[in-house]
Amino acid sequence: MSTQTAAEHELANLIVEALNLETVDPAAIDPEAPLFGGDLGLDSIDALEIALAVSKRYGMQLRSDHPDNQRIFSSLRTLSEHIERERTA
């Protein structure tokens, strides 16, 4: 398991809070593990909830029609990297 960066840890906390994953320790989320179809058991509805939470927290939109959504949402790390790129653009 890879170590989370500070940004990834903040995002992991946001995901756990937004999805009410009471049994999940944000620090235990592997930043390179799949967000969907993996241990967290997330689905497409969860992706919408994550996008809404990210929009509220970081003031940016994760659009449902973005052509790279599969890659962006593939792991905690790729989602965090996308958010950082968009925030500094």
Protein backbone atom coordinates (compact mmCIF):
# COMPACT_ATOMS: atom_id res chain seq x y z
CA MET A 1 0.00 0.00 0.00
CA SER A 2 1.25 3.46 -0.92
CA THR A 3 1.33 6.28 1.57
CA GLN A 4 -1.25 9.04 1.17
CA THR A 5 -0.11 12.60 0.53
CA ALA A 6 -1.69 15.36 2.60
CA ALA A 7 -4.03 16.22 -0.31
CA GLU A 8 -5.02 12.56 -0.72
CA HIS A 9 -5.71 12.24 3.00
CA GLU A 10 -7.93 15.34 2.91
CA LEU A 11 -9.79 13.91 -0.09
CA ALA A 12 -10.13 10.49 1.59
CA ASN A 13 -11.70 12.20 4.60
CA LEU A 14 -14.08 14.07 2.31
CA ILE A 15 -15.12 10.85 0.55
CA VAL A 16 -15.70 8.98 3.82
CA GLU A 17 -17.78 11.88 5.21
CA ALA A 18 -19.76 12.50 2.00
CA LEU A 19 -20.65 8.83 1.57
CA ASN A 20 -21.17 8.09 5.28
CA LEU A 21 -18.65 5.25 5.18
CA GLU A 22 -18.66 4.89 8.95
CA THR A 23 -16.62 1.68 8.98
CA VAL A 24 -13.87 3.02 6.71
CA ASP A 25 -10.74 4.66 8.10
CA PRO A 26 -9.75 7.37 5.59
CA ALA A 27 -6.07 6.76 6.36
CA ALA A 28 -6.49 3.10 5.37
CA ILE A 29 -7.60 3.89 1.80
CA ASP A 30 -4.79 2.87 -0.56
CA PRO A 31 -4.31 5.87 -2.87
CA GLU A 32 -3.57 3.57 -5.81
CA ALA A 33 -6.41 1.07 -5.24
CA PRO A 34 -9.51 1.29 -7.44
CA LEU A 35 -12.22 3.53 -5.98
CA PHE A 36 -14.95 1.60 -7.79
CA GLY A 37 -15.31 -2.16 -7.86
CA GLY A 38 -12.72 -2.52 -5.11
CA ASP A 39 -12.76 -2.78 -1.34
CA LEU A 40 -14.87 0.36 -0.85
CA GLY A 41 -17.74 -1.03 -2.93
CA LEU A 42 -18.53 2.34 -4.53
CA ASP A 43 -20.90 2.69 -7.50
CA SER A 44 -21.99 5.35 -9.99
CA ILE A 45 -24.31 7.03 -7.47
CA ASP A 46 -21.32 7.37 -5.14
CA ALA A 47 -19.39 9.05 -7.98
CA LEU A 48 -22.11 11.70 -8.18
CA GLU A 49 -21.93 12.24 -4.42
CA ILE A 50 -18.14 12.55 -4.57
CA ALA A 51 -18.40 15.05 -7.44
CA LEU A 52 -20.88 17.14 -5.44
CA ALA A 53 -18.69 17.07 -2.32
CA VAL A 54 -15.60 18.03 -4.34
CA SER A 55 -17.53 20.88 -5.94
CA LYS A 56 -18.57 22.23 -2.55
CA ARG A 57 -15.16 21.81 -0.90
CA TYR A 58 -12.85 22.89 -3.71
CA GLY A 59 -15.10 25.15 -5.78
CA MET A 60 -14.62 23.20 -9.00
CA GLN A 61 -16.87 21.05 -11.15
CA LEU A 62 -16.34 17.38 -11.95
CA ARG A 63 -18.59 17.07 -14.97
CA SER A 64 -20.38 13.80 -15.69
CA ASP A 65 -19.64 14.16 -19.42
CA HIS A 66 -15.87 14.61 -19.02
CA PRO A 67 -14.19 12.19 -21.45
CA ASP A 68 -11.52 11.20 -18.90
CA ASN A 69 -13.85 10.40 -15.98
CA GLN A 70 -12.93 6.72 -15.96
CA ARG A 71 -9.26 7.65 -15.48
CA ILE A 72 -9.97 10.57 -13.12
CA PHE A 73 -12.08 8.41 -10.79
CA SER A 74 -9.89 5.31 -11.07
CA SER A 75 -8.17 5.86 -7.71
CA LEU A 76 -7.82 8.29 -4.84
CA ARG A 77 -4.47 9.37 -6.29
CA THR A 78 -5.76 10.12 -9.81
CA LEU A 79 -8.75 12.02 -8.42
CA SER A 80 -6.53 14.05 -6.11
CA GLU A 81 -4.09 14.83 -8.93
CA HIS A 82 -6.97 15.97 -11.16
CA ILE A 83 -8.33 18.25 -8.45
CA GLU A 84 -4.89 19.79 -7.87
CA ARG A 85 -4.40 20.38 -11.62
CA GLU A 86 -7.81 22.01 -11.97
CA ARG A 87 -7.36 24.20 -8.90
CA THR A 88 -4.03 25.57 -10.14
CA ALA A 89 -5.12 26.01 -13.78
